Amino acid sequence: MESLVLTAISMGFLGGVHCAAMCGGIVGAVSLRGERPGIALHLSYNAGRILSYTVAGAIVGGLGGIGALAGGMLPVQMALFVVANAIVVLLGLHVAGWGGLVRHLESAGGSAWRAIQPFGSRYLPPDTPARAVKLGLFWGWIPCGLVYSTLALALVTGAAWRGALVMLAFGLGTLPNLLAAGLVAQRVRPALRLRWVRSFAGGLIVALGIVGLVRIPGLAEAIRNGVLCLV
């Protein structure tokens, strides 16, 4: 479980380079719009966003547990673990700008977002902390390949509370980059768009996925021997 939490928070931080570069304008000019938005509004908005991630993690973690029990623990756990880490690798390539397969995950969530977006728009501009929290709660469901990739890890955990913990760690990992993008967007965003910065961050995410895949044979044997649980 500790390794999944560490992977999630690392994905949040490293993937946040991509988020801040691509979405920093939204955070700075739209989501946190106001005359002089301060740290309280940014923290409130991000608190709502991270809470949404945590709820989503609880949902998919619970679903993963049901699936594992229905299909036999080891085969389903192993299949989910392979898929989750393969998606992490694809995410790293996406962040680095070397592949676009993760965009298909974002497209899959487009219909749901179109239904949710009008409700979130009611809280624009988020000129008070309460409105910023509510906006973040809705904005946390925006189609995002980075979020969906991490939800695959939450699914592997096989329990609602563990899935929630993984997504909470991920959300906290994204916080530094998105806070920076909101507070000092004009200074931070150009640096985060540098090719070498994105390539470095994406390469590290790919490494996380590869490490997870390499661990699979040893984990399977340990589970068979009753030594540990996969997560």
C-alpha atoms as a PDB file:
ATOM      1  CA  MET A   1       0.000   0.000   0.000  1.00  0.00           C
ATOM      2  CA  GLU A   2       2.842   2.362   0.833  1.00  0.00           C
ATOM      3  CA  SER A   3       4.300   1.941  -2.656  1.00  0.00           C
ATOM      4  CA  LEU A   4       0.996   2.860  -4.300  1.00  0.00           C
ATOM      5  CA  VAL A   5       0.646   5.977  -2.147  1.00  0.00           C
ATOM      6  CA  LEU A   6       4.214   7.000  -2.985  1.00  0.00           C
ATOM      7  CA  THR A   7       3.591   6.391  -6.678  1.00  0.00           C
ATOM      8  CA  ALA A   8       0.371   8.428  -6.552  1.00  0.00           C
ATOM      9  CA  ILE A   9       1.913  11.442  -4.839  1.00  0.00           C
ATOM     10  CA  SER A  10       4.884  11.285  -7.227  1.00  0.00           C
ATOM     11  CA  MET A  11       2.537  11.158 -10.217  1.00  0.00           C
ATOM     12  CA  GLY A  12       0.666  14.146  -8.841  1.00  0.00           C
ATOM     13  CA  PHE A  13       3.822  16.200  -8.414  1.00  0.00           C
ATOM     14  CA  LEU A  14       5.518  15.194 -11.663  1.00  0.00           C
ATOM     15  CA  GLY A  15       2.316  15.242 -13.678  1.00  0.00           C
ATOM     16  CA  GLY A  16       1.490  18.608 -12.151  1.00  0.00           C
ATOM     17  CA  VAL A  17       4.232  20.046 -14.343  1.00  0.00           C
ATOM     18  CA  HIS A  18       2.049  19.190 -17.310  1.00  0.00           C
ATOM     19  CA  CYS A  19      -1.142  20.409 -15.577  1.00  0.00           C
ATOM     20  CA  ALA A  20       0.340  23.752 -14.607  1.00  0.00           C
ATOM     21  CA  ALA A  21       1.779  24.315 -18.065  1.00  0.00           C
ATOM     22  CA  MET A  22      -1.418  23.370 -19.897  1.00  0.00           C
ATOM     23  CA  CYS A  23      -4.097  24.504 -17.425  1.00  0.00           C
ATOM     24  CA  GLY A  24      -2.322  27.246 -15.526  1.00  0.00           C
ATOM     25  CA  GLY A  25      -4.179  29.871 -17.518  1.00  0.00           C
ATOM     26  CA  ILE A  26      -7.503  28.421 -16.408  1.00  0.00           C
ATOM     27  CA  VAL A  27      -6.426  28.356 -12.770  1.00  0.00           C
ATOM     28  CA  GLY A  28      -5.030  31.841 -12.878  1.00  0.00           C
ATOM     29  CA  ALA A  29      -7.493  33.656 -15.124  1.00  0.00           C
ATOM     30  CA  VAL A  30     -10.786  31.744 -14.852  1.00  0.00           C
ATOM     31  CA  SER A  31     -11.062  29.327 -11.956  1.00  0.00           C
ATOM     32  CA  LEU A  32      -9.690  31.752  -9.403  1.00  0.00           C
ATOM     33  CA  ARG A  33     -10.861  34.942 -10.989  1.00  0.00           C
ATOM     34  CA  GLY A  34     -11.183  37.995  -8.837  1.00  0.00           C
ATOM     35  CA  GLU A  35      -9.745  41.436  -8.369  1.00  0.00           C
ATOM     36  CA  ARG A  36      -6.838  40.313  -6.220  1.00  0.00           C
ATOM     37  CA  PRO A  37      -7.201  36.578  -5.525  1.00  0.00           C
ATOM     38  CA  GLY A  38      -5.123  35.543  -2.561  1.00  0.00           C
ATOM     39  CA  ILE A  39      -3.806  32.347  -1.073  1.00  0.00           C
ATOM     40  CA  ALA A  40      -7.086  31.658   0.770  1.00  0.00           C
ATOM     41  CA  LEU A  41      -9.031  31.394  -2.499  1.00  0.00           C
ATOM     42  CA  HIS A  42      -6.417  29.181  -4.105  1.00  0.00           C
ATOM     43  CA  LEU A  43      -6.259  26.860  -1.104  1.00  0.00           C
ATOM     44  CA  SER A  44     -10.053  26.696  -0.944  1.00  0.00           C
ATOM     45  CA  TYR A  45     -10.360  25.859  -4.626  1.00  0.00           C
ATOM     46  CA  ASN A  46      -7.701  23.150  -4.375  1.00  0.00           C
ATOM     47  CA  ALA A  47      -9.272  21.728  -1.226  1.00  0.00           C
ATOM     48  CA  GLY A  48     -12.499  21.184  -3.143  1.00  0.00           C
ATOM     49  CA  ARG A  49     -10.642  19.693  -6.096  1.00  0.00           C
ATOM     50  CA  ILE A  50      -8.669  17.268  -3.928  1.00  0.00           C
ATOM     51  CA  LEU A  51     -11.822  16.254  -2.051  1.00  0.00           C
ATOM     52  CA  SER A  52     -13.392  15.295  -5.386  1.00  0.00           C
ATOM     53  CA  TYR A  53     -10.360  13.165  -6.209  1.00  0.00           C
ATOM     54  CA  THR A  54     -10.631  11.466  -2.814  1.00  0.00           C
ATOM     55  CA  VAL A  55     -14.304  10.648  -3.332  1.00  0.00           C
ATOM     56  CA  ALA A  56     -13.568   9.259  -6.800  1.00  0.00           C
ATOM     57  CA  GLY A  57     -10.785   7.129  -5.306  1.00  0.00           C
ATOM     58  CA  ALA A  58     -13.155   5.710  -2.713  1.00  0.00           C
ATOM     59  CA  ILE A  59     -15.656   4.790  -5.430  1.00  0.00           C
ATOM     60  CA  VAL A  60     -13.208   3.000  -7.715  1.00  0.00           C
ATOM     61  CA  GLY A  61     -11.384   1.376  -4.788  1.00  0.00           C
ATOM     62  CA  GLY A  62     -14.668  -0.111  -3.626  1.00  0.00           C
ATOM     63  CA  LEU A  63     -15.475  -1.289  -7.140  1.00  0.00           C
ATOM     64  CA  GLY A  64     -12.038  -2.899  -7.385  1.00  0.00           C
ATOM     65  CA  GLY A  65     -12.690  -4.839  -4.204  1.00  0.00           C
ATOM     66  CA  ILE A  66     -16.019  -6.110  -5.504  1.00  0.00           C
ATOM     67  CA  GLY A  67     -14.427  -7.193  -8.785  1.00  0.00           C
ATOM     68  CA  ALA A  68     -11.597  -9.011  -7.055  1.00  0.00           C
ATOM     69  CA  LEU A  69     -13.967 -10.919  -4.783  1.00  0.00           C
ATOM     70  CA  ALA A  70     -16.231 -11.844  -7.700  1.00  0.00           C
ATOM     71  CA  GLY A  71     -13.441 -13.051  -9.959  1.00  0.00           C
ATOM     72  CA  GLY A  72     -10.979 -14.585  -7.515  1.00  0.00           C
ATOM     73  CA  MET A  73      -8.488 -12.361  -5.737  1.00  0.00           C
ATOM     74  CA  LEU A  74      -5.141 -13.198  -7.314  1.00  0.00           C
ATOM     75  CA  PRO A  75      -6.019 -13.244 -11.051  1.00  0.00           C
ATOM     76  CA  VAL A  76      -8.034 -10.035 -10.851  1.00  0.00           C
ATOM     77  CA  GLN A  77      -5.496  -8.247  -8.648  1.00  0.00           C
ATOM     78  CA  MET A  78      -2.661  -9.188 -10.973  1.00  0.00           C
ATOM     79  CA  ALA A  79      -4.561  -8.106 -14.086  1.00  0.00           C
ATOM     80  CA  LEU A  80      -5.481  -4.774 -12.506  1.00  0.00           C
ATOM     81  CA  PHE A  81      -1.926  -4.217 -11.336  1.00  0.00           C
ATOM     82  CA  VAL A  82      -0.537  -4.840 -14.830  1.00  0.00           C
ATOM     83  CA  VAL A  83      -3.096  -2.511 -16.429  1.00  0.00           C
ATOM     84  CA  ALA A  84      -2.571   0.206 -13.812  1.00  0.00           C
ATOM     85  CA  ASN A  85       1.187   0.303 -14.249  1.00  0.00           C
ATOM     86  CA  ALA A  86       0.909   0.142 -18.020  1.00  0.00           C
ATOM     87  CA  ILE A  87      -1.329   3.221 -17.842  1.00  0.00           C
ATOM     88  CA  VAL A  88       1.283   4.929 -15.650  1.00  0.00           C
ATOM     89  CA  VAL A  89       3.860   4.323 -18.396  1.00  0.00           C
ATOM     90  CA  LEU A  90       1.492   5.756 -21.017  1.00  0.00           C
ATOM     91  CA  LEU A  91       0.862   8.757 -18.778  1.00  0.00           C
ATOM     92  CA  GLY A  92       4.587   9.423 -18.523  1.00  0.00           C
ATOM     93  CA  LEU A  93       4.870   9.378 -22.303  1.00  0.00           C
ATOM     94  CA  HIS A  94       1.911  11.751 -22.512  1.00  0.00           C
ATOM     95  CA  VAL A  95       3.430  14.215 -20.023  1.00  0.00           C
ATOM     96  CA  ALA A  96       6.708  14.141 -21.938  1.00  0.00           C
ATOM     97  CA  GLY A  97       4.876  14.797 -25.188  1.00  0.00           C
ATOM     98  CA  TRP A  98       5.827  11.430 -26.684  1.00  0.00           C
ATOM     99  CA  GLY A  99       2.388   9.897 -27.042  1.00  0.00           C
ATOM    100  CA  GLY A 100      -1.281  10.763 -27.071  1.00  0.00           C
ATOM    101  CA  LEU A 101      -3.012   7.546 -26.048  1.00  0.00           C
ATOM    102  CA  VAL A 102      -3.970   8.981 -22.657  1.00  0.00           C
ATOM    103  CA  ARG A 103      -6.120  11.555 -24.450  1.00  0.00           C
ATOM    104  CA  HIS A 104      -8.596   8.773 -25.225  1.00  0.00           C
ATOM    105  CA  LEU A 105      -9.215   8.461 -21.485  1.00  0.00           C
ATOM    106  CA  GLU A 106     -10.081  12.149 -21.373  1.00  0.00           C
ATOM    107  CA  SER A 107     -12.470  11.779 -24.289  1.00  0.00           C
ATOM    108  CA  ALA A 108     -14.299   9.022 -22.443  1.00  0.00           C
ATOM    109  CA  GLY A 109     -15.168  11.437 -19.634  1.00  0.00           C
ATOM    110  CA  GLY A 110     -16.306  14.244 -21.906  1.00  0.00           C
ATOM    111  CA  SER A 111     -20.013  13.424 -21.782  1.00  0.00           C
ATOM    112  CA  ALA A 112     -20.096  13.302 -17.991  1.00  0.00           C
ATOM    113  CA  TRP A 113     -18.224  16.607 -17.788  1.00  0.00           C
ATOM    114  CA  ARG A 114     -20.667  18.327 -20.116  1.00  0.00           C
ATOM    115  CA  ALA A 115     -23.440  17.379 -17.706  1.00  0.00           C
ATOM    116  CA  ILE A 116     -21.531  18.580 -14.618  1.00  0.00           C
ATOM    117  CA  GLN A 117     -19.989  21.777 -15.990  1.00  0.00           C
ATOM    118  CA  PRO A 118     -23.125  23.981 -15.878  1.00  0.00           C
ATOM    119  CA  PHE A 119     -23.465  23.356 -12.136  1.00  0.00           C
ATOM    120  CA  GLY A 120     -19.848  24.307 -11.471  1.00  0.00           C
ATOM    121  CA  SER A 121     -20.161  27.452 -13.573  1.00  0.00           C
ATOM    122  CA  ARG A 122     -22.628  28.818 -11.018  1.00  0.00           C
ATOM    123  CA  TYR A 123     -19.688  29.508  -8.701  1.00  0.00           C
ATOM    124  CA  LEU A 124     -17.790  31.725 -11.133  1.00  0.00           C
ATOM    125  CA  PRO A 125     -16.221  34.002 -10.158  1.00  0.00           C
ATOM    126  CA  PRO A 126     -15.092  32.295  -6.932  1.00  0.00           C
ATOM    127  CA  ASP A 127     -14.689  35.526  -4.998  1.00  0.00           C
ATOM    128  CA  THR A 128     -15.103  33.934  -1.561  1.00  0.00           C
ATOM    129  CA  PRO A 129     -13.490  30.818  -0.050  1.00  0.00           C
ATOM    130  CA  ALA A 130     -16.895  29.081   0.123  1.00  0.00           C
ATOM    131  CA  ARG A 131     -17.527  29.629  -3.592  1.00  0.00           C
ATOM    132  CA  ALA A 132     -13.957  28.563  -4.394  1.00  0.00           C
ATOM    133  CA  VAL A 133     -14.408  25.265  -2.516  1.00  0.00           C
ATOM    134  CA  LYS A 134     -17.649  24.550  -4.367  1.00  0.00           C
ATOM    135  CA  LEU A 135     -16.043  25.351  -7.709  1.00  0.00           C
ATOM    136  CA  GLY A 136     -13.169  23.008  -6.881  1.00  0.00           C
ATOM    137  CA  LEU A 137     -15.603  20.226  -6.003  1.00  0.00           C
ATOM    138  CA  PHE A 138     -17.021  20.384  -9.526  1.00  0.00           C
ATOM    139  CA  TRP A 139     -13.754  21.161 -11.306  1.00  0.00           C
ATOM    140  CA  GLY A 140     -12.211  18.020  -9.829  1.00  0.00           C
ATOM    141  CA  TRP A 141     -14.327  15.975 -12.252  1.00  0.00           C
ATOM    142  CA  ILE A 142     -13.013  17.645 -15.408  1.00  0.00           C
ATOM    143  CA  PRO A 143     -11.759  15.016 -17.910  1.00  0.00           C
ATOM    144  CA  CYS A 144      -8.044  14.578 -17.216  1.00  0.00           C
ATOM    145  CA  GLY A 145      -5.795  11.746 -18.315  1.00  0.00           C
ATOM    146  CA  LEU A 146      -3.566  12.303 -15.293  1.00  0.00           C
ATOM    147  CA  VAL A 147      -6.475  11.829 -12.882  1.00  0.00           C
ATOM    148  CA  TYR A 148      -7.845   8.821 -14.746  1.00  0.00           C
ATOM    149  CA  SER A 149      -4.425   7.177 -14.795  1.00  0.00           C
ATOM    150  CA  THR A 150      -4.116   7.519 -11.035  1.00  0.00           C
ATOM    151  CA  LEU A 151      -7.649   6.189 -10.556  1.00  0.00           C
ATOM    152  CA  ALA A 152      -6.361   2.975 -12.116  1.00  0.00           C
ATOM    153  CA  LEU A 153      -3.997   2.686  -9.158  1.00  0.00           C
ATOM    154  CA  ALA A 154      -6.878   3.367  -6.758  1.00  0.00           C
ATOM    155  CA  LEU A 155      -8.821   0.550  -8.414  1.00  0.00           C
ATOM    156  CA  VAL A 156      -6.000  -1.873  -7.640  1.00  0.00           C
ATOM    157  CA  THR A 157      -6.248  -1.198  -3.901  1.00  0.00           C
ATOM    158  CA  GLY A 158      -9.482  -3.156  -3.648  1.00  0.00           C
ATOM    159  CA  ALA A 159     -10.969  -1.098  -0.813  1.00  0.00           C
ATOM    160  CA  ALA A 160     -12.779   2.221  -0.651  1.00  0.00           C
ATOM    161  CA  TRP A 161     -10.594   3.712   2.085  1.00  0.00           C
ATOM    162  CA  ARG A 162      -7.384   2.664   0.340  1.00  0.00           C
ATOM    163  CA  GLY A 163      -8.567   4.075  -2.984  1.00  0.00           C
ATOM    164  CA  ALA A 164      -9.446   7.323  -1.227  1.00  0.00           C
ATOM    165  CA  LEU A 165      -5.989   7.448   0.360  1.00  0.00           C
ATOM    166  CA  VAL A 166      -4.258   6.949  -2.996  1.00  0.00           C
ATOM    167  CA  MET A 167      -6.228   9.758  -4.621  1.00  0.00           C
ATOM    168  CA  LEU A 168      -5.737  12.040  -1.617  1.00  0.00           C
ATOM    169  CA  ALA A 169      -1.983  11.505  -1.959  1.00  0.00           C
ATOM    170  CA  PHE A 170      -2.219  12.237  -5.673  1.00  0.00           C
ATOM    171  CA  GLY A 171      -4.167  15.440  -5.061  1.00  0.00           C
ATOM    172  CA  LEU A 172      -1.645  16.654  -2.512  1.00  0.00           C
ATOM    173  CA  GLY A 173       1.110  15.904  -5.013  1.00  0.00           C
ATOM    174  CA  THR A 174      -0.513  18.193  -7.586  1.00  0.00           C
ATOM    175  CA  LEU A 175      -0.893  21.028  -5.089  1.00  0.00           C
ATOM    176  CA  PRO A 176       2.549  22.712  -5.332  1.00  0.00           C
ATOM    177  CA  ASN A 177       2.481  23.093  -9.109  1.00  0.00           C
ATOM    178  CA  LEU A 178      -1.122  24.265  -9.329  1.00  0.00           C
ATOM    179  CA  LEU A 179      -0.689  26.704  -6.457  1.00  0.00           C
ATOM    180  CA  ALA A 180       2.343  28.112  -8.216  1.00  0.00           C
ATOM    181  CA  ALA A 181       0.414  28.300 -11.487  1.00  0.00           C
ATOM    182  CA  GLY A 182      -2.390  30.203  -9.798  1.00  0.00           C
ATOM    183  CA  LEU A 183      -0.323  32.590  -7.712  1.00  0.00           C
ATOM    184  CA  VAL A 184       2.586  33.346 -10.031  1.00  0.00           C
ATOM    185  CA  ALA A 185       1.274  32.017 -13.324  1.00  0.00           C
ATOM    186  CA  GLN A 186       3.165  34.371 -15.609  1.00  0.00           C
ATOM    187  CA  ARG A 187       6.511  33.468 -14.065  1.00  0.00           C
ATOM    188  CA  VAL A 188       5.991  29.718 -13.655  1.00  0.00           C
ATOM    189  CA  ARG A 189       4.189  28.611 -16.784  1.00  0.00           C
ATOM    190  CA  PRO A 190       6.900  29.450 -19.352  1.00  0.00           C
ATOM    191  CA  ALA A 191       9.447  27.384 -17.409  1.00  0.00           C
ATOM    192  CA  LEU A 192       7.088  24.419 -17.113  1.00  0.00           C
ATOM    193  CA  ARG A 193       6.516  24.433 -20.849  1.00  0.00           C
ATOM    194  CA  LEU A 194      10.187  23.843 -21.590  1.00  0.00           C
ATOM    195  CA  ARG A 195      10.610  20.573 -23.463  1.00  0.00           C
ATOM    196  CA  TRP A 196      13.347  19.260 -21.195  1.00  0.00           C
ATOM    197  CA  VAL A 197      11.279  19.898 -18.057  1.00  0.00           C
ATOM    198  CA  ARG A 198       8.308  17.941 -19.408  1.00  0.00           C
ATOM    199  CA  SER A 199      10.560  15.207 -20.770  1.00  0.00           C
ATOM    200  CA  PHE A 200      12.306  14.822 -17.424  1.00  0.00           C
ATOM    201  CA  ALA A 201       9.029  14.677 -15.475  1.00  0.00           C
ATOM    202  CA  GLY A 202       7.478  12.276 -17.981  1.00  0.00           C
ATOM    203  CA  GLY A 203      10.550  10.044 -17.917  1.00  0.00           C
ATOM    204  CA  LEU A 204      10.331   9.751 -14.141  1.00  0.00           C
ATOM    205  CA  ILE A 205       6.657   8.771 -14.365  1.00  0.00           C
ATOM    206  CA  VAL A 206       7.524   6.122 -16.971  1.00  0.00           C
ATOM    207  CA  ALA A 207      10.147   4.812 -14.546  1.00  0.00           C
ATOM    208  CA  LEU A 208       7.514   4.529 -11.808  1.00  0.00           C
ATOM    209  CA  GLY A 209       5.333   2.417 -14.075  1.00  0.00           C
ATOM    210  CA  ILE A 210       8.219   0.195 -15.126  1.00  0.00           C
ATOM    211  CA  VAL A 211       9.215  -0.391 -11.502  1.00  0.00           C
ATOM    212  CA  GLY A 212       5.645  -1.441 -10.771  1.00  0.00           C
ATOM    213  CA  LEU A 213       5.628  -3.880 -13.684  1.00  0.00           C
ATOM    214  CA  VAL A 214       8.978  -5.358 -12.678  1.00  0.00           C
ATOM    215  CA  ARG A 215       7.656  -6.030  -9.172  1.00  0.00           C
ATOM    216  CA  ILE A 216       4.706  -8.098 -10.395  1.00  0.00           C
ATOM    217  CA  PRO A 217       6.267 -11.607 -10.563  1.00  0.00           C
ATOM    218  CA  GLY A 218       7.654 -11.356  -7.026  1.00  0.00           C
ATOM    219  CA  LEU A 219       4.388  -9.986  -5.677  1.00  0.00           C
ATOM    220  CA  ALA A 220       2.388 -12.796  -7.249  1.00  0.00           C
ATOM    221  CA  GLU A 221       4.622 -15.438  -5.660  1.00  0.00           C
ATOM    222  CA  ALA A 222       4.414 -13.742  -2.275  1.00  0.00           C
ATOM    223  CA  ILE A 223       0.631 -13.673  -2.448  1.00  0.00           C
ATOM    224  CA  ARG A 224       0.477 -17.368  -3.339  1.00  0.00           C
ATOM    225  CA  ASN A 225       2.616 -18.142  -0.316  1.00  0.00           C
ATOM    226  CA  GLY A 226       0.380 -16.012   1.906  1.00  0.00           C
ATOM    227  CA  VAL A 227       3.222 -13.640   2.749  1.00  0.00           C
ATOM    228  CA  LEU A 228       1.539 -10.351   1.801  1.00  0.00           C
ATOM    229  CA  CYS A 229      -1.345  -8.670   0.098  1.00  0.00           C
ATOM    230  CA  LEU A 230      -0.717  -7.076  -3.269  1.00  0.00           C
ATOM    231  CA  VAL A 231      -1.492  -3.642  -1.914  1.00  0.00           C
END
